[in-house]
């Protein structure tokens, strides 16, 4: 993770790039490097799909197309998945209170 910036780190960074004058600049560079590394690992499939599983509980079996305020209700991924599971094999879908695990893939 990101380590605290010491005076030596600041001096070394200033020697490499004179535009770096503050600890914040060094921290930003470290964070940017960390994000780049994570992104390249993600693209290279170095993370298991288990790291991206979302788990949500079903609080109501169905949500209307319009909410109580009359606005269009959001499409909830776990509710849509539960409905699909129920349509595929009636009687086997999750019931209210159960958790549904899913991964969003674009």
PDB file of N, CA and C in Angstrom:
ATOM      1  N   UNK A   1       0.839  -1.190   0.000  1.00  0.00           N
ATOM      2  CA  UNK A   1       0.000   0.000   0.000  1.00  0.00           C
ATOM      3  C   UNK A   1       0.883   1.251   0.000  1.00  0.00           C
ATOM      4  N   UNK A   2       0.274   2.382   0.198  1.00  0.00           N
ATOM      5  CA  UNK A   2       0.988   3.655   0.148  1.00  0.00           C
ATOM      6  C   UNK A   2       1.673   3.902   1.488  1.00  0.00           C
ATOM      7  N   UNK A   3       2.969   4.161   1.434  1.00  0.00           N
ATOM      8  CA  UNK A   3       3.728   4.435   2.651  1.00  0.00           C
ATOM      9  C   UNK A   3       3.829   5.943   2.864  1.00  0.00           C
ATOM     10  N   UNK A   4       4.065   6.311   4.102  1.00  0.00           N
ATOM     11  CA  UNK A   4       4.229   7.719   4.443  1.00  0.00           C
ATOM     12  C   UNK A   4       5.456   8.284   3.718  1.00  0.00           C
ATOM     13  N   UNK A   5       5.349   9.516   3.270  1.00  0.00           N
ATOM     14  CA  UNK A   5       6.448  10.167   2.556  1.00  0.00           C
ATOM     15  C   UNK A   5       7.421  10.756   3.577  1.00  0.00           C
ATOM     16  N   UNK A   6       8.655  10.309   3.515  1.00  0.00           N
ATOM     17  CA  UNK A   6       9.676  10.813   4.429  1.00  0.00           C
ATOM     18  C   UNK A   6      10.418  11.978   3.775  1.00  0.00           C
ATOM     19  N   UNK A   7      11.252  12.651   4.560  1.00  0.00           N
ATOM     20  CA  UNK A   7      12.051  13.755   4.016  1.00  0.00           C
ATOM     21  C   UNK A   7      12.996  13.252   2.930  1.00  0.00           C
ATOM     22  N   UNK A   8      13.558  12.068   3.124  1.00  0.00           N
ATOM     23  CA  UNK A   8      14.453  11.486   2.117  1.00  0.00           C
ATOM     24  C   UNK A   8      13.711  11.208   0.812  1.00  0.00           C
ATOM     25  N   UNK A   9      12.472  10.709   0.927  1.00  0.00           N
ATOM     26  CA  UNK A   9      11.666  10.455  -0.270  1.00  0.00           C
ATOM     27  C   UNK A   9      11.397  11.753  -1.022  1.00  0.00           C
ATOM     28  N   UNK A  10      11.110  12.814  -0.269  1.00  0.00           N
ATOM     29  CA  UNK A  10      10.825  14.105  -0.887  1.00  0.00           C
ATOM     30  C   UNK A  10      12.063  14.656  -1.588  1.00  0.00           C
ATOM     31  N   UNK A  11      13.231  14.516  -0.955  1.00  0.00           N
ATOM     32  CA  UNK A  11      14.478  14.982  -1.572  1.00  0.00           C
ATOM     33  C   UNK A  11      14.789  14.208  -2.844  1.00  0.00           C
ATOM     34  N   UNK A  12      14.586  12.886  -2.801  1.00  0.00           N
ATOM     35  CA  UNK A  12      14.846  12.053  -3.978  1.00  0.00           C
ATOM     36  C   UNK A  12      13.890  12.393  -5.116  1.00  0.00           C
ATOM     37  N   UNK A  13      12.629  12.607  -4.794  1.00  0.00           N
ATOM     38  CA  UNK A  13      11.643  12.945  -5.827  1.00  0.00           C
ATOM     39  C   UNK A  13      11.928  14.323  -6.416  1.00  0.00           C
ATOM     40  N   UNK A  14      12.357  15.261  -5.585  1.00  0.00           N
ATOM     41  CA  UNK A  14      12.689  16.604  -6.074  1.00  0.00           C
ATOM     42  C   UNK A  14      13.920  16.549  -6.969  1.00  0.00           C
ATOM     43  N   UNK A  15      14.864  15.673  -6.655  1.00  0.00           N
ATOM     44  CA  UNK A  15      16.064  15.529  -7.488  1.00  0.00           C
ATOM     45  C   UNK A  15      15.695  14.970  -8.866  1.00  0.00           C
ATOM     46  N   UNK A  16      14.730  14.034  -8.910  1.00  0.00           N
ATOM     47  CA  UNK A  16      14.300  13.447 -10.183  1.00  0.00           C
ATOM     48  C   UNK A  16      13.464  14.422 -10.990  1.00  0.00           C
ATOM     49  N   UNK A  17      12.566  15.135 -10.316  1.00  0.00           N
ATOM     50  CA  UNK A  17      11.650  16.051 -10.997  1.00  0.00           C
ATOM     51  C   UNK A  17      11.529  17.320 -10.158  1.00  0.00           C
ATOM     52  N   UNK A  18      12.094  18.420 -10.624  1.00  0.00           N
ATOM     53  CA  UNK A  18      12.053  19.665  -9.847  1.00  0.00           C
ATOM     54  C   UNK A  18      10.637  20.195  -9.604  1.00  0.00           C
ATOM     55  N   UNK A  19       9.661  19.741 -10.388  1.00  0.00           N
ATOM     56  CA  UNK A  19       8.281  20.200 -10.202  1.00  0.00           C
ATOM     57  C   UNK A  19       7.671  19.621  -8.927  1.00  0.00           C
ATOM     58  N   UNK A  20       8.248  18.541  -8.423  1.00  0.00           N
ATOM     59  CA  UNK A  20       7.757  17.923  -7.185  1.00  0.00           C
ATOM     60  C   UNK A  20       8.301  18.720  -6.012  1.00  0.00           C
ATOM     61  N   UNK A  21       7.413  19.397  -5.308  1.00  0.00           N
ATOM     62  CA  UNK A  21       7.855  20.239  -4.198  1.00  0.00           C
ATOM     63  C   UNK A  21       7.171  19.892  -2.885  1.00  0.00           C
ATOM     64  N   UNK A  22       6.118  19.074  -2.930  1.00  0.00           N
ATOM     65  CA  UNK A  22       5.354  18.786  -1.717  1.00  0.00           C
ATOM     66  C   UNK A  22       5.197  17.288  -1.520  1.00  0.00           C
ATOM     67  N   UNK A  23       4.932  16.925  -0.289  1.00  0.00           N
ATOM     68  CA  UNK A  23       4.663  15.524   0.030  1.00  0.00           C
ATOM     69  C   UNK A  23       3.434  15.025  -0.728  1.00  0.00           C
ATOM     70  N   UNK A  24       2.478  15.917  -0.938  1.00  0.00           N
ATOM     71  CA  UNK A  24       1.260  15.558  -1.655  1.00  0.00           C
ATOM     72  C   UNK A  24       1.576  15.120  -3.091  1.00  0.00           C
ATOM     73  N   UNK A  25       2.542  15.786  -3.721  1.00  0.00           N
ATOM     74  CA  UNK A  25       2.940  15.413  -5.081  1.00  0.00           C
ATOM     75  C   UNK A  25       3.510  13.995  -5.110  1.00  0.00           C
ATOM     76  N   UNK A  26       4.310  13.651  -4.117  1.00  0.00           N
ATOM     77  CA  UNK A  26       4.897  12.312  -4.039  1.00  0.00           C
ATOM     78  C   UNK A  26       3.799  11.285  -3.791  1.00  0.00           C
ATOM     79  N   UNK A  27       2.871  11.610  -2.907  1.00  0.00           N
ATOM     80  CA  UNK A  27       1.763  10.696  -2.612  1.00  0.00           C
ATOM     81  C   UNK A  27       0.912  10.473  -3.854  1.00  0.00           C
ATOM     82  N   UNK A  28       0.618  11.532  -4.581  1.00  0.00           N
ATOM     83  CA  UNK A  28      -0.168  11.400  -5.819  1.00  0.00           C
ATOM     84  C   UNK A  28       0.534  10.493  -6.820  1.00  0.00           C
ATOM     85  N   UNK A  29       1.829  10.659  -6.957  1.00  0.00           N
ATOM     86  CA  UNK A  29       2.587   9.813  -7.882  1.00  0.00           C
ATOM     87  C   UNK A  29       2.535   8.349  -7.453  1.00  0.00           C
ATOM     88  N   UNK A  30       2.633   8.114  -6.156  1.00  0.00           N
ATOM     89  CA  UNK A  30       2.567   6.736  -5.650  1.00  0.00           C
ATOM     90  C   UNK A  30       1.185   6.119  -5.885  1.00  0.00           C
ATOM     91  N   UNK A  31       0.154   6.903  -5.637  1.00  0.00           N
ATOM     92  CA  UNK A  31      -1.206   6.411  -5.845  1.00  0.00           C
ATOM     93  C   UNK A  31      -1.427   6.125  -7.333  1.00  0.00           C
ATOM     94  N   UNK A  32      -0.982   7.012  -8.197  1.00  0.00           N
ATOM     95  CA  UNK A  32      -1.135   6.812  -9.640  1.00  0.00           C
ATOM     96  C   UNK A  32      -0.419   5.538 -10.081  1.00  0.00           C
ATOM     97  N   UNK A  33       0.766   5.303  -9.547  1.00  0.00           N
ATOM     98  CA  UNK A  33       1.509   4.094  -9.882  1.00  0.00           C
ATOM     99  C   UNK A  33       0.770   2.841  -9.402  1.00  0.00           C
ATOM    100  N   UNK A  34       0.232   2.901  -8.199  1.00  0.00           N
ATOM    101  CA  UNK A  34      -0.507   1.771  -7.650  1.00  0.00           C
ATOM    102  C   UNK A  34      -1.743   1.457  -8.505  1.00  0.00           C
ATOM    103  N   UNK A  35      -2.469   2.489  -8.910  1.00  0.00           N
ATOM    104  CA  UNK A  35      -3.662   2.300  -9.737  1.00  0.00           C
ATOM    105  C   UNK A  35      -3.275   1.721 -11.097  1.00  0.00           C
ATOM    106  N   UNK A  36      -2.198   2.231 -11.691  1.00  0.00           N
ATOM    107  CA  UNK A  36      -1.737   1.686 -12.977  1.00  0.00           C
ATOM    108  C   UNK A  36      -1.394   0.205 -12.850  1.00  0.00           C
ATOM    109  N   UNK A  37      -0.717  -0.164 -11.759  1.00  0.00           N
ATOM    110  CA  UNK A  37      -0.359  -1.569 -11.549  1.00  0.00           C
ATOM    111  C   UNK A  37      -1.602  -2.446 -11.405  1.00  0.00           C
ATOM    112  N   UNK A  38      -2.585  -1.983 -10.627  1.00  0.00           N
ATOM    113  CA  UNK A  38      -3.818  -2.750 -10.462  1.00  0.00           C
ATOM    114  C   UNK A  38      -4.558  -2.884 -11.795  1.00  0.00           C
ATOM    115  N   UNK A  39      -4.603  -1.816 -12.569  1.00  0.00           N
ATOM    116  CA  UNK A  39      -5.288  -1.871 -13.862  1.00  0.00           C
ATOM    117  C   UNK A  39      -4.608  -2.843 -14.816  1.00  0.00           C
ATOM    118  N   UNK A  40      -3.282  -2.830 -14.849  1.00  0.00           N
ATOM    119  CA  UNK A  40      -2.581  -3.763 -15.735  1.00  0.00           C
ATOM    120  C   UNK A  40      -2.784  -5.203 -15.267  1.00  0.00           C
ATOM    121  N   UNK A  41      -2.821  -5.438 -13.950  1.00  0.00           N
ATOM    122  CA  UNK A  41      -3.097  -6.779 -13.437  1.00  0.00           C
ATOM    123  C   UNK A  41      -4.513  -7.221 -13.786  1.00  0.00           C
ATOM    124  N   UNK A  42      -5.443  -6.287 -13.740  1.00  0.00           N
ATOM    125  CA  UNK A  42      -6.831  -6.594 -14.077  1.00  0.00           C
ATOM    126  C   UNK A  42      -6.962  -6.989 -15.544  1.00  0.00           C
ATOM    127  N   UNK A  43      -6.308  -6.248 -16.411  1.00  0.00           N
ATOM    128  CA  UNK A  43      -6.345  -6.546 -17.842  1.00  0.00           C
ATOM    129  C   UNK A  43      -5.655  -7.880 -18.132  1.00  0.00           C
ATOM    130  N   UNK A  44      -4.638  -8.213 -17.379  1.00  0.00           N
ATOM    131  CA  UNK A  44      -3.887  -9.458 -17.580  1.00  0.00           C
ATOM    132  C   UNK A  44      -4.550 -10.655 -16.881  1.00  0.00           C
ATOM    133  N   UNK A  45      -5.760 -10.482 -16.354  1.00  0.00           N
ATOM    134  CA  UNK A  45      -6.516 -11.545 -15.676  1.00  0.00           C
ATOM    135  C   UNK A  45      -5.751 -12.161 -14.511  1.00  0.00           C
ATOM    136  N   UNK A  46      -5.093 -11.336 -13.725  1.00  0.00           N
ATOM    137  CA  UNK A  46      -4.357 -11.831 -12.567  1.00  0.00           C
ATOM    138  C   UNK A  46      -5.225 -11.911 -11.312  1.00  0.00           C
ATOM    139  N   UNK A  47      -6.478 -11.437 -11.402  1.00  0.00           N
ATOM    140  CA  UNK A  47      -7.397 -11.495 -10.275  1.00  0.00           C
ATOM    141  C   UNK A  47      -8.451 -12.557 -10.545  1.00  0.00           C
ATOM    142  N   UNK A  48      -8.822 -13.297  -9.532  1.00  0.00           N
ATOM    143  CA  UNK A  48      -9.867 -14.300  -9.652  1.00  0.00           C
ATOM    144  C   UNK A  48     -11.223 -13.609  -9.750  1.00  0.00           C
ATOM    145  N   UNK A  49     -12.158 -14.232 -10.441  1.00  0.00           N
ATOM    146  CA  UNK A  49     -13.499 -13.657 -10.571  1.00  0.00           C
ATOM    147  C   UNK A  49     -14.180 -13.574  -9.206  1.00  0.00           C
ATOM    148  N   UNK A  50     -13.716 -14.374  -8.246  1.00  0.00           N
ATOM    149  CA  UNK A  50     -14.281 -14.339  -6.894  1.00  0.00           C
ATOM    150  C   UNK A  50     -14.121 -12.963  -6.250  1.00  0.00           C
ATOM    151  N   UNK A  51     -13.146 -12.202  -6.684  1.00  0.00           N
ATOM    152  CA  UNK A  51     -12.912 -10.864  -6.127  1.00  0.00           C
ATOM    153  C   UNK A  51     -13.990  -9.870  -6.550  1.00  0.00           C
ATOM    154  N   UNK A  52     -14.792 -10.230  -7.562  1.00  0.00           N
ATOM    155  CA  UNK A  52     -15.775  -9.302  -8.109  1.00  0.00           C
ATOM    156  C   UNK A  52     -17.217  -9.706  -7.817  1.00  0.00           C
ATOM    157  N   UNK A  53     -17.407 -10.703  -6.969  1.00  0.00           N
ATOM    158  CA  UNK A  53     -18.751 -11.180  -6.647  1.00  0.00           C
ATOM    159  C   UNK A  53     -19.444 -10.181  -5.734  1.00  0.00           C
ATOM    160  N   UNK A  54     -20.675  -9.850  -6.098  1.00  0.00           N
ATOM    161  CA  UNK A  54     -21.520  -8.966  -5.287  1.00  0.00           C
ATOM    162  C   UNK A  54     -22.603  -9.841  -4.672  1.00  0.00           C
ATOM    163  N   UNK A  55     -22.894  -9.636  -3.417  1.00  0.00           N
ATOM    164  CA  UNK A  55     -23.919 -10.409  -2.735  1.00  0.00           C
ATOM    165  C   UNK A  55     -24.925  -9.450  -2.122  1.00  0.00           C
ATOM    166  N   UNK A  56     -26.188  -9.605  -2.502  1.00  0.00           N
ATOM    167  CA  UNK A  56     -27.237  -8.755  -1.947  1.00  0.00           C
ATOM    168  C   UNK A  56     -28.430  -9.612  -1.577  1.00  0.00           C
ATOM    169  N   UNK A  57     -29.145  -9.181  -0.554  1.00  0.00           N
ATOM    170  CA  UNK A  57     -30.311  -9.966  -0.131  1.00  0.00           C
ATOM    171  C   UNK A  57     -31.562  -9.450  -0.825  1.00  0.00           C
ATOM    172  N   UNK A  58     -32.504 -10.354  -1.004  1.00  0.00           N
ATOM    173  CA  UNK A  58     -33.789 -10.024  -1.612  1.00  0.00           C
ATOM    174  C   UNK A  58     -34.707  -9.554  -0.487  1.00  0.00           C
ATOM    175  N   UNK A  59     -35.123  -8.281  -0.553  1.00  0.00           N
ATOM    176  CA  UNK A  59     -36.010  -7.783   0.500  1.00  0.00           C
ATOM    177  C   UNK A  59     -37.472  -7.848   0.068  1.00  0.00           C
ATOM    178  N   UNK A  60     -37.717  -7.714  -1.232  1.00  0.00           N
ATOM    179  CA  UNK A  60     -39.065  -7.870  -1.767  1.00  0.00           C
ATOM    180  C   UNK A  60     -38.950  -8.754  -2.997  1.00  0.00           C
ATOM    181  N   UNK A  61     -39.960  -9.542  -3.250  1.00  0.00           N
ATOM    182  CA  UNK A  61     -39.887 -10.450  -4.392  1.00  0.00           C
ATOM    183  C   UNK A  61     -39.951  -9.693  -5.712  1.00  0.00           C
ATOM    184  N   UNK A  62     -40.734  -8.624  -5.755  1.00  0.00           N
ATOM    185  CA  UNK A  62     -40.805  -7.877  -7.011  1.00  0.00           C
ATOM    186  C   UNK A  62     -40.885  -6.392  -6.710  1.00  0.00           C
ATOM    187  N   UNK A  63     -40.295  -5.629  -7.555  1.00  0.00           N
ATOM    188  CA  UNK A  63     -40.326  -4.184  -7.448  1.00  0.00           C
ATOM    189  C   UNK A  63     -41.119  -3.660  -8.636  1.00  0.00           C
ATOM    190  N   UNK A  64     -42.002  -2.709  -8.382  1.00  0.00           N
ATOM    191  CA  UNK A  64     -42.806  -2.163  -9.463  1.00  0.00           C
ATOM    192  C   UNK A  64     -41.968  -1.338 -10.420  1.00  0.00           C
ATOM    193  N   UNK A  65     -42.517  -1.077 -11.595  1.00  0.00           N
ATOM    194  CA  UNK A  65     -41.814  -0.274 -12.587  1.00  0.00           C
ATOM    195  C   UNK A  65     -41.749   1.189 -12.138  1.00  0.00           C
ATOM    196  N   UNK A  66     -42.687   1.580 -11.255  1.00  0.00           N
ATOM    197  CA  UNK A  66     -42.732   2.952 -10.756  1.00  0.00           C
ATOM    198  C   UNK A  66     -42.732   2.881  -9.227  1.00  0.00           C
ATOM    199  N   UNK A  67     -41.921   3.732  -8.589  1.00  0.00           N
ATOM    200  CA  UNK A  67     -41.878   3.714  -7.129  1.00  0.00           C
ATOM    201  C   UNK A  67     -43.010   4.544  -6.527  1.00  0.00           C
ATOM    202  N   UNK A  68     -43.049   4.650  -5.216  1.00  0.00           N
ATOM    203  CA  UNK A  68     -44.139   5.339  -4.527  1.00  0.00           C
ATOM    204  C   UNK A  68     -44.226   6.816  -4.898  1.00  0.00           C
ATOM    205  N   UNK A  69     -43.108   7.431  -5.254  1.00  0.00           N
ATOM    206  CA  UNK A  69     -43.106   8.847  -5.619  1.00  0.00           C
ATOM    207  C   UNK A  69     -43.519   9.055  -7.075  1.00  0.00           C
ATOM    208  N   UNK A  70     -43.744   7.977  -7.800  1.00  0.00           N
ATOM    209  CA  UNK A  70     -44.153   8.097  -9.195  1.00  0.00           C
ATOM    210  C   UNK A  70     -42.988   8.135 -10.168  1.00  0.00           C
ATOM    211  N   UNK A  71     -41.784   7.990  -9.658  1.00  0.00           N
ATOM    212  CA  UNK A  71     -40.606   7.988 -10.519  1.00  0.00           C
ATOM    213  C   UNK A  71     -40.311   6.567 -10.987  1.00  0.00           C
ATOM    214  N   UNK A  72     -39.602   6.462 -12.102  1.00  0.00           N
ATOM    215  CA  UNK A  72     -39.223   5.149 -12.603  1.00  0.00           C
ATOM    216  C   UNK A  72     -38.269   4.497 -11.596  1.00  0.00           C
ATOM    217  N   UNK A  73     -38.581   3.297 -11.180  1.00  0.00           N
ATOM    218  CA  UNK A  73     -37.762   2.587 -10.205  1.00  0.00           C
ATOM    219  C   UNK A  73     -36.484   2.084 -10.879  1.00  0.00           C
ATOM    220  N   UNK A  74     -35.371   2.069 -10.146  1.00  0.00           N
ATOM    221  CA  UNK A  74     -34.125   1.574 -10.730  1.00  0.00           C
ATOM    222  C   UNK A  74     -34.196   0.072 -10.960  1.00  0.00           C
ATOM    223  N   UNK A  75     -33.484  -0.401 -11.965  1.00  0.00           N
ATOM    224  CA  UNK A  75     -33.421  -1.845 -12.186  1.00  0.00           C
ATOM    225  C   UNK A  75     -32.334  -2.394 -11.266  1.00  0.00           C
ATOM    226  N   UNK A  76     -32.719  -3.260 -10.386  1.00  0.00           N
ATOM    227  CA  UNK A  76     -31.801  -3.817  -9.410  1.00  0.00           C
ATOM    228  C   UNK A  76     -31.300  -5.159  -9.916  1.00  0.00           C
ATOM    229  N   UNK A  77     -29.974  -5.298 -10.028  1.00  0.00           N
ATOM    230  CA  UNK A  77     -29.366  -6.484 -10.609  1.00  0.00           C
ATOM    231  C   UNK A  77     -29.740  -7.767  -9.905  1.00  0.00           C
ATOM    232  N   UNK A  78     -29.719  -7.748  -8.565  1.00  0.00           N
ATOM    233  CA  UNK A  78     -30.016  -8.969  -7.833  1.00  0.00           C
ATOM    234  C   UNK A  78     -31.479  -9.382  -7.969  1.00  0.00           C
ATOM    235  N   UNK A  79     -32.378  -8.400  -8.133  1.00  0.00           N
ATOM    236  CA  UNK A  79     -33.796  -8.712  -8.309  1.00  0.00           C
ATOM    237  C   UNK A  79     -34.026  -9.287  -9.704  1.00  0.00           C
ATOM    238  N   UNK A  80     -33.378  -8.703 -10.707  1.00  0.00           N
ATOM    239  CA  UNK A  80     -33.498  -9.234 -12.067  1.00  0.00           C
ATOM    240  C   UNK A  80     -32.973 -10.661 -12.139  1.00  0.00           C
ATOM    241  N   UNK A  81     -31.848 -10.906 -11.486  1.00  0.00           N
ATOM    242  CA  UNK A  81     -31.276 -12.253 -11.475  1.00  0.00           C
ATOM    243  C   UNK A  81     -32.221 -13.232 -10.794  1.00  0.00           C
ATOM    244  N   UNK A  82     -32.813 -12.841  -9.676  1.00  0.00           N
ATOM    245  CA  UNK A  82     -33.751 -13.716  -8.970  1.00  0.00           C
ATOM    246  C   UNK A  82     -34.954 -14.039  -9.850  1.00  0.00           C
ATOM    247  N   UNK A  83     -35.454 -13.047 -10.573  1.00  0.00           N
ATOM    248  CA  UNK A  83     -36.587 -13.281 -11.486  1.00  0.00           C
ATOM    249  C   UNK A  83     -36.198 -14.250 -12.598  1.00  0.00           C
ATOM    250  N   UNK A  84     -34.995 -14.084 -13.161  1.00  0.00           N
ATOM    251  CA  UNK A  84     -34.540 -14.993 -14.220  1.00  0.00           C
ATOM    252  C   UNK A  84     -34.397 -16.425 -13.700  1.00  0.00           C
ATOM    253  N   UNK A  85     -33.846 -16.548 -12.487  1.00  0.00           N
ATOM    254  CA  UNK A  85     -33.677 -17.880 -11.901  1.00  0.00           C
ATOM    255  C   UNK A  85     -35.043 -18.544 -11.702  1.00  0.00           C
ATOM    256  N   UNK A  86     -36.016 -17.775 -11.276  1.00  0.00           N
ATOM    257  CA  UNK A  86     -37.366 -18.299 -11.055  1.00  0.00           C
ATOM    258  C   UNK A  86     -38.017 -18.699 -12.377  1.00  0.00           C
ATOM    259  N   UNK A  87     -37.807 -17.907 -13.430  1.00  0.00           N
ATOM    260  CA  UNK A  87     -38.384 -18.237 -14.739  1.00  0.00           C
ATOM    261  C   UNK A  87     -37.755 -19.499 -15.327  1.00  0.00           C
ATOM    262  N   UNK A  88     -36.448 -19.678 -15.124  1.00  0.00           N
ATOM    263  CA  UNK A  88     -35.770 -20.868 -15.661  1.00  0.00           C
ATOM    264  C   UNK A  88     -36.292 -22.152 -15.042  1.00  0.00           C
ATOM    265  N   UNK A  89     -36.340 -22.166 -13.723  1.00  0.00           N
ATOM    266  CA  UNK A  89     -36.820 -23.345 -13.000  1.00  0.00           C
ATOM    267  C   UNK A  89     -37.778 -22.872 -11.907  1.00  0.00           C
ATOM    268  N   UNK A  90     -39.078 -22.848 -12.222  1.00  0.00           N
ATOM    269  CA  UNK A  90     -40.051 -22.367 -11.235  1.00  0.00           C
ATOM    270  C   UNK A  90     -39.946 -23.112  -9.907  1.00  0.00           C
ATOM    271  N   UNK A  91     -39.998 -22.341  -8.828  1.00  0.00           N
ATOM    272  CA  UNK A  91     -39.942 -22.917  -7.492  1.00  0.00           C
ATOM    273  C   UNK A  91     -38.544 -23.042  -6.917  1.00  0.00           C
ATOM    274  N   UNK A  92     -37.509 -22.773  -7.737  1.00  0.00           N
ATOM    275  CA  UNK A  92     -36.142 -22.919  -7.243  1.00  0.00           C
ATOM    276  C   UNK A  92     -35.440 -21.578  -7.040  1.00  0.00           C
ATOM    277  N   UNK A  93     -36.090 -20.495  -7.413  1.00  0.00           N
ATOM    278  CA  UNK A  93     -35.474 -19.177  -7.268  1.00  0.00           C
ATOM    279  C   UNK A  93     -35.348 -18.765  -5.815  1.00  0.00           C
ATOM    280  N   UNK A  94     -34.512 -17.773  -5.536  1.00  0.00           N
ATOM    281  CA  UNK A  94     -34.348 -17.309  -4.151  1.00  0.00           C
ATOM    282  C   UNK A  94     -35.627 -16.668  -3.623  1.00  0.00           C
ATOM    283  N   UNK A  95     -35.844 -16.818  -2.329  1.00  0.00           N
ATOM    284  CA  UNK A  95     -37.020 -16.231  -1.690  1.00  0.00           C
ATOM    285  C   UNK A  95     -36.586 -15.015  -0.879  1.00  0.00           C
ATOM    286  N   UNK A  96     -37.553 -14.283  -0.385  1.00  0.00           N
ATOM    287  CA  UNK A  96     -37.269 -13.093   0.400  1.00  0.00           C
ATOM    288  C   UNK A  96     -36.373 -13.442   1.586  1.00  0.00           C
ATOM    289  N   UNK A  97     -35.307 -12.660   1.758  1.00  0.00           N
ATOM    290  CA  UNK A  97     -34.367 -12.881   2.852  1.00  0.00           C
ATOM    291  C   UNK A  97     -33.105 -13.616   2.431  1.00  0.00           C
ATOM    292  N   UNK A  98     -33.137 -14.324   1.316  1.00  0.00           N
ATOM    293  CA  UNK A  98     -31.948 -15.029   0.843  1.00  0.00           C
ATOM    294  C   UNK A  98     -31.009 -14.061   0.138  1.00  0.00           C
ATOM    295  N   UNK A  99     -29.740 -14.407   0.135  1.00  0.00           N
ATOM    296  CA  UNK A  99     -28.740 -13.582  -0.554  1.00  0.00           C
ATOM    297  C   UNK A  99     -28.483 -14.138  -1.939  1.00  0.00           C
ATOM    298  N   UNK A 100     -28.357 -13.243  -2.892  1.00  0.00           N
ATOM    299  CA  UNK A 100     -28.084 -13.613  -4.278  1.00  0.00           C
ATOM    300  C   UNK A 100     -26.686 -13.104  -4.615  1.00  0.00           C
ATOM    301  N   UNK A 101     -25.845 -14.006  -5.103  1.00  0.00           N
ATOM    302  CA  UNK A 101     -24.493 -13.614  -5.506  1.00  0.00           C
ATOM    303  C   UNK A 101     -24.443 -13.498  -7.020  1.00  0.00           C
ATOM    304  N   UNK A 102     -23.800 -12.432  -7.505  1.00  0.00           N
ATOM    305  CA  UNK A 102     -23.690 -12.238  -8.942  1.00  0.00           C
ATOM    306  C   UNK A 102     -22.471 -11.389  -9.261  1.00  0.00           C
ATOM    307  N   UNK A 103     -22.086 -11.419 -10.520  1.00  0.00           N
ATOM    308  CA  UNK A 103     -20.984 -10.604 -11.021  1.00  0.00           C
ATOM    309  C   UNK A 103     -21.528  -9.814 -12.200  1.00  0.00           C
ATOM    310  N   UNK A 104     -21.281  -8.515 -12.226  1.00  0.00           N
ATOM    311  CA  UNK A 104     -21.712  -7.681 -13.334  1.00  0.00           C
ATOM    312  C   UNK A 104     -20.631  -7.736 -14.409  1.00  0.00           C
ATOM    313  N   UNK A 105     -21.021  -8.137 -15.604  1.00  0.00           N
ATOM    314  CA  UNK A 105     -20.084  -8.232 -16.728  1.00  0.00           C
ATOM    315  C   UNK A 105     -20.627  -7.363 -17.840  1.00  0.00           C
ATOM    316  N   UNK A 106     -19.763  -6.551 -18.369  1.00  0.00           N
ATOM    317  CA  UNK A 106     -20.198  -5.631 -19.421  1.00  0.00           C
ATOM    318  C   UNK A 106     -19.794  -6.166 -20.748  1.00  0.00           C
TER     319      UNK A 106
END
